[in-house]
């Protein structure tokens, strides 16, 4: 399960087993909403089914949920539409 997050600047994942071509890079920290920090342990791409691929995902120590960055999606050319009871990504 993934959560769309308008406050994070990068996609982040909890489970390293979901990553393909994982590259270990201890490249700093991310700061959570409660000001605690999580160590970045590397990055990779994630495949989900036949057509879904999420590129440039950080693997972060201590993260509790998989996060999709709305700003990163928009930077990649996707259009994110948030409604009161659903969301679409084109």
N, C-alpha and C. Protein backbone atom coordinates (compact mmCIF):
# COMPACT_ATOMS: atom_id res chain seq x y z
N UNK A 1 0.85 -1.18 0.00
CA UNK A 1 0.00 0.00 0.00
C UNK A 1 0.89 1.24 0.00
N UNK A 2 0.49 2.22 -0.76
CA UNK A 2 1.21 3.49 -0.86
C UNK A 2 0.31 4.63 -0.40
N UNK A 3 0.90 5.62 0.25
CA UNK A 3 0.19 6.83 0.64
C UNK A 3 0.72 7.98 -0.20
N UNK A 4 -0.19 8.77 -0.78
CA UNK A 4 0.21 9.99 -1.46
C UNK A 4 0.52 11.04 -0.41
N UNK A 5 1.65 11.72 -0.57
CA UNK A 5 2.08 12.68 0.43
C UNK A 5 2.48 13.98 -0.25
N UNK A 6 1.78 15.04 0.08
CA UNK A 6 2.09 16.34 -0.51
C UNK A 6 3.24 17.02 0.24
N UNK A 7 3.65 16.48 1.38
CA UNK A 7 4.70 17.10 2.17
C UNK A 7 6.07 16.52 1.95
N UNK A 8 6.16 15.33 1.32
CA UNK A 8 7.49 14.76 1.09
C UNK A 8 7.97 15.10 -0.32
N UNK A 9 9.28 15.24 -0.44
CA UNK A 9 9.84 15.64 -1.73
C UNK A 9 10.32 14.45 -2.54
N UNK A 10 10.39 13.27 -1.95
CA UNK A 10 10.86 12.07 -2.65
C UNK A 10 9.98 10.88 -2.30
N UNK A 11 9.85 9.93 -3.25
CA UNK A 11 9.18 8.66 -2.97
C UNK A 11 10.03 7.89 -1.96
N UNK A 12 9.38 7.21 -1.01
CA UNK A 12 10.09 6.45 0.01
C UNK A 12 9.36 5.14 0.27
N UNK A 13 10.13 4.11 0.58
CA UNK A 13 9.54 2.78 0.79
C UNK A 13 10.06 2.14 2.08
N UNK A 14 9.22 1.28 2.65
CA UNK A 14 9.51 0.58 3.90
C UNK A 14 10.26 -0.73 3.64
N UNK A 15 9.84 -1.49 2.63
CA UNK A 15 10.28 -2.87 2.42
C UNK A 15 11.33 -2.96 1.31
N UNK A 16 12.55 -3.27 1.67
CA UNK A 16 13.65 -3.37 0.71
C UNK A 16 13.42 -4.49 -0.31
N UNK A 17 12.65 -5.50 0.05
CA UNK A 17 12.41 -6.63 -0.86
C UNK A 17 11.63 -6.22 -2.11
N UNK A 18 10.94 -5.10 -2.07
CA UNK A 18 10.15 -4.62 -3.21
C UNK A 18 11.01 -3.89 -4.24
N UNK A 19 12.26 -3.62 -3.89
CA UNK A 19 13.13 -2.81 -4.76
C UNK A 19 13.83 -3.68 -5.79
N UNK A 20 13.99 -3.13 -6.99
CA UNK A 20 14.79 -3.82 -8.01
C UNK A 20 16.01 -2.95 -8.29
N UNK A 21 17.15 -3.57 -8.44
CA UNK A 21 18.40 -2.85 -8.70
C UNK A 21 18.75 -1.90 -7.55
N UNK A 22 18.62 -2.38 -6.32
CA UNK A 22 18.90 -1.54 -5.15
C UNK A 22 20.35 -1.09 -5.15
N UNK A 23 20.55 0.20 -4.91
CA UNK A 23 21.89 0.78 -4.80
C UNK A 23 22.05 1.33 -3.39
N UNK A 24 22.93 0.71 -2.63
CA UNK A 24 23.16 1.17 -1.26
C UNK A 24 23.93 2.47 -1.31
N UNK A 25 23.34 3.50 -0.73
CA UNK A 25 23.96 4.82 -0.67
C UNK A 25 23.53 5.48 0.62
N UNK A 26 24.41 5.55 1.55
CA UNK A 26 24.07 6.26 2.78
C UNK A 26 24.26 7.73 2.49
N UNK A 27 23.16 8.38 2.12
CA UNK A 27 23.23 9.74 1.59
C UNK A 27 22.50 10.76 2.43
N UNK A 28 22.49 10.57 3.72
CA UNK A 28 21.88 11.58 4.57
C UNK A 28 20.63 11.10 5.26
N UNK A 29 19.75 12.04 5.55
CA UNK A 29 18.56 11.78 6.34
C UNK A 29 17.35 12.46 5.71
N UNK A 30 16.17 11.95 6.04
CA UNK A 30 14.92 12.66 5.76
C UNK A 30 14.34 13.08 7.10
N UNK A 31 13.63 14.17 7.10
CA UNK A 31 12.99 14.66 8.33
C UNK A 31 11.49 14.42 8.21
N UNK A 32 10.93 13.75 9.21
CA UNK A 32 9.49 13.46 9.24
C UNK A 32 8.73 14.66 9.78
N UNK A 33 7.42 14.61 9.68
CA UNK A 33 6.57 15.70 10.14
C UNK A 33 6.71 16.02 11.62
N UNK A 34 7.13 15.03 12.42
CA UNK A 34 7.31 15.26 13.85
C UNK A 34 8.75 15.68 14.19
N UNK A 35 9.52 16.04 13.15
CA UNK A 35 10.92 16.48 13.24
C UNK A 35 11.91 15.37 13.59
N UNK A 36 11.47 14.11 13.69
CA UNK A 36 12.40 13.00 13.84
C UNK A 36 13.04 12.75 12.47
N UNK A 37 14.19 12.08 12.47
CA UNK A 37 14.91 11.83 11.23
C UNK A 37 15.02 10.34 10.94
N UNK A 38 15.02 10.00 9.66
CA UNK A 38 15.24 8.63 9.20
C UNK A 38 16.44 8.62 8.28
N UNK A 39 17.32 7.66 8.46
CA UNK A 39 18.54 7.56 7.66
C UNK A 39 18.23 6.97 6.28
N UNK A 40 18.71 7.62 5.23
CA UNK A 40 18.56 7.11 3.86
C UNK A 40 19.63 6.04 3.67
N UNK A 41 19.19 4.81 3.34
CA UNK A 41 20.11 3.70 3.18
C UNK A 41 20.40 3.38 1.73
N UNK A 42 19.62 3.92 0.80
CA UNK A 42 19.84 3.67 -0.62
C UNK A 42 18.63 4.06 -1.43
N UNK A 43 18.71 3.76 -2.73
CA UNK A 43 17.57 4.04 -3.60
C UNK A 43 17.49 2.99 -4.70
N UNK A 44 16.35 2.97 -5.38
CA UNK A 44 16.09 1.96 -6.39
C UNK A 44 14.81 2.30 -7.13
N UNK A 45 14.39 1.38 -7.98
CA UNK A 45 13.09 1.45 -8.63
C UNK A 45 12.21 0.36 -8.03
N UNK A 46 10.89 0.54 -8.15
CA UNK A 46 9.93 -0.43 -7.63
C UNK A 46 9.03 -0.85 -8.78
N UNK A 47 8.83 -2.15 -8.92
CA UNK A 47 7.89 -2.67 -9.90
C UNK A 47 6.65 -3.16 -9.18
N UNK A 48 5.49 -2.94 -9.79
CA UNK A 48 4.24 -3.39 -9.20
C UNK A 48 3.30 -3.90 -10.28
N UNK A 49 3.35 -5.18 -10.58
CA UNK A 49 2.50 -5.73 -11.61
C UNK A 49 3.14 -5.60 -12.99
N UNK A 50 2.30 -5.66 -14.02
CA UNK A 50 2.80 -5.68 -15.40
C UNK A 50 3.17 -4.30 -15.93
N UNK A 51 2.54 -3.24 -15.44
CA UNK A 51 2.75 -1.94 -16.05
C UNK A 51 3.28 -0.86 -15.11
N UNK A 52 3.19 -1.07 -13.82
CA UNK A 52 3.58 -0.04 -12.87
C UNK A 52 5.07 -0.11 -12.57
N UNK A 53 5.74 1.02 -12.69
CA UNK A 53 7.12 1.13 -12.23
C UNK A 53 7.28 2.52 -11.62
N UNK A 54 7.81 2.55 -10.42
CA UNK A 54 8.06 3.81 -9.74
C UNK A 54 9.57 3.97 -9.66
N UNK A 55 10.06 5.04 -10.23
CA UNK A 55 11.50 5.24 -10.33
C UNK A 55 12.01 6.13 -9.19
N UNK A 56 13.27 5.89 -8.84
CA UNK A 56 13.99 6.75 -7.90
C UNK A 56 13.31 6.81 -6.54
N UNK A 57 13.19 5.65 -5.90
CA UNK A 57 12.54 5.52 -4.60
C UNK A 57 13.62 5.35 -3.53
N UNK A 58 13.51 6.11 -2.45
CA UNK A 58 14.46 6.01 -1.34
C UNK A 58 14.05 4.90 -0.38
N UNK A 59 15.03 4.13 0.08
CA UNK A 59 14.82 3.18 1.16
C UNK A 59 15.31 3.86 2.43
N UNK A 60 14.39 4.07 3.38
CA UNK A 60 14.67 4.87 4.57
C UNK A 60 14.46 4.04 5.82
N UNK A 61 15.47 4.05 6.68
CA UNK A 61 15.43 3.33 7.95
C UNK A 61 14.36 3.93 8.86
N UNK A 62 13.51 3.07 9.44
CA UNK A 62 12.52 3.52 10.41
C UNK A 62 11.23 4.04 9.82
N UNK A 63 11.10 4.06 8.50
CA UNK A 63 9.87 4.53 7.85
C UNK A 63 8.74 3.56 8.15
N UNK A 64 7.54 4.07 8.38
CA UNK A 64 6.40 3.22 8.76
C UNK A 64 5.47 2.91 7.58
N UNK A 65 5.46 3.78 6.54
CA UNK A 65 4.56 3.59 5.40
C UNK A 65 5.28 3.95 4.10
N UNK A 66 4.87 3.33 3.01
CA UNK A 66 5.38 3.69 1.69
C UNK A 66 4.75 5.02 1.29
N UNK A 67 5.57 5.95 0.83
CA UNK A 67 5.08 7.30 0.50
C UNK A 67 5.37 7.64 -0.96
N UNK A 68 4.35 8.08 -1.67
CA UNK A 68 4.51 8.62 -3.02
C UNK A 68 4.48 10.13 -2.92
N UNK A 69 5.52 10.75 -3.41
CA UNK A 69 5.62 12.20 -3.37
C UNK A 69 4.81 12.82 -4.50
N UNK A 70 3.81 13.62 -4.17
CA UNK A 70 3.01 14.28 -5.20
C UNK A 70 3.89 15.21 -6.02
N UNK A 71 4.80 15.94 -5.38
CA UNK A 71 5.65 16.86 -6.14
C UNK A 71 6.58 16.11 -7.08
N UNK A 72 7.10 14.96 -6.67
CA UNK A 72 7.97 14.17 -7.56
C UNK A 72 7.18 13.63 -8.74
N UNK A 73 5.93 13.21 -8.52
CA UNK A 73 5.07 12.76 -9.62
C UNK A 73 4.85 13.89 -10.62
N UNK A 74 4.54 15.08 -10.12
CA UNK A 74 4.31 16.23 -10.99
C UNK A 74 5.58 16.62 -11.75
N UNK A 75 6.73 16.54 -11.09
CA UNK A 75 8.00 16.84 -11.75
C UNK A 75 8.28 15.87 -12.90
N UNK A 76 7.77 14.64 -12.79
CA UNK A 76 7.96 13.63 -13.83
C UNK A 76 6.91 13.73 -14.93
N UNK A 77 6.01 14.74 -14.85
CA UNK A 77 5.03 14.94 -15.91
C UNK A 77 3.65 14.37 -15.64
N UNK A 78 3.44 13.78 -14.46
CA UNK A 78 2.12 13.27 -14.12
C UNK A 78 1.23 14.41 -13.65
N UNK A 79 -0.06 14.21 -13.81
CA UNK A 79 -1.05 15.16 -13.30
C UNK A 79 -1.79 14.47 -12.16
N UNK A 80 -1.77 15.07 -10.97
CA UNK A 80 -2.42 14.50 -9.80
C UNK A 80 -3.65 15.34 -9.47
N UNK A 81 -4.81 14.69 -9.45
CA UNK A 81 -6.07 15.38 -9.17
C UNK A 81 -6.65 14.80 -7.88
N UNK A 82 -6.76 15.66 -6.87
CA UNK A 82 -7.31 15.26 -5.58
C UNK A 82 -8.74 15.75 -5.47
N UNK A 83 -9.64 14.83 -5.19
CA UNK A 83 -11.04 15.15 -4.95
C UNK A 83 -11.36 14.83 -3.49
N UNK A 84 -12.57 15.13 -3.06
CA UNK A 84 -12.91 14.91 -1.65
C UNK A 84 -12.90 13.43 -1.27
N UNK A 85 -13.19 12.51 -2.20
CA UNK A 85 -13.25 11.10 -1.85
C UNK A 85 -12.40 10.19 -2.74
N UNK A 86 -11.59 10.75 -3.63
CA UNK A 86 -10.70 9.92 -4.44
C UNK A 86 -9.60 10.77 -5.07
N UNK A 87 -8.65 10.09 -5.68
CA UNK A 87 -7.53 10.75 -6.34
C UNK A 87 -7.26 10.04 -7.65
N UNK A 88 -6.91 10.79 -8.69
CA UNK A 88 -6.50 10.18 -9.95
C UNK A 88 -5.12 10.71 -10.33
N UNK A 89 -4.34 9.85 -10.93
CA UNK A 89 -3.01 10.21 -11.42
C UNK A 89 -2.97 9.87 -12.89
N UNK A 90 -2.68 10.88 -13.71
CA UNK A 90 -2.61 10.69 -15.17
C UNK A 90 -1.18 10.86 -15.62
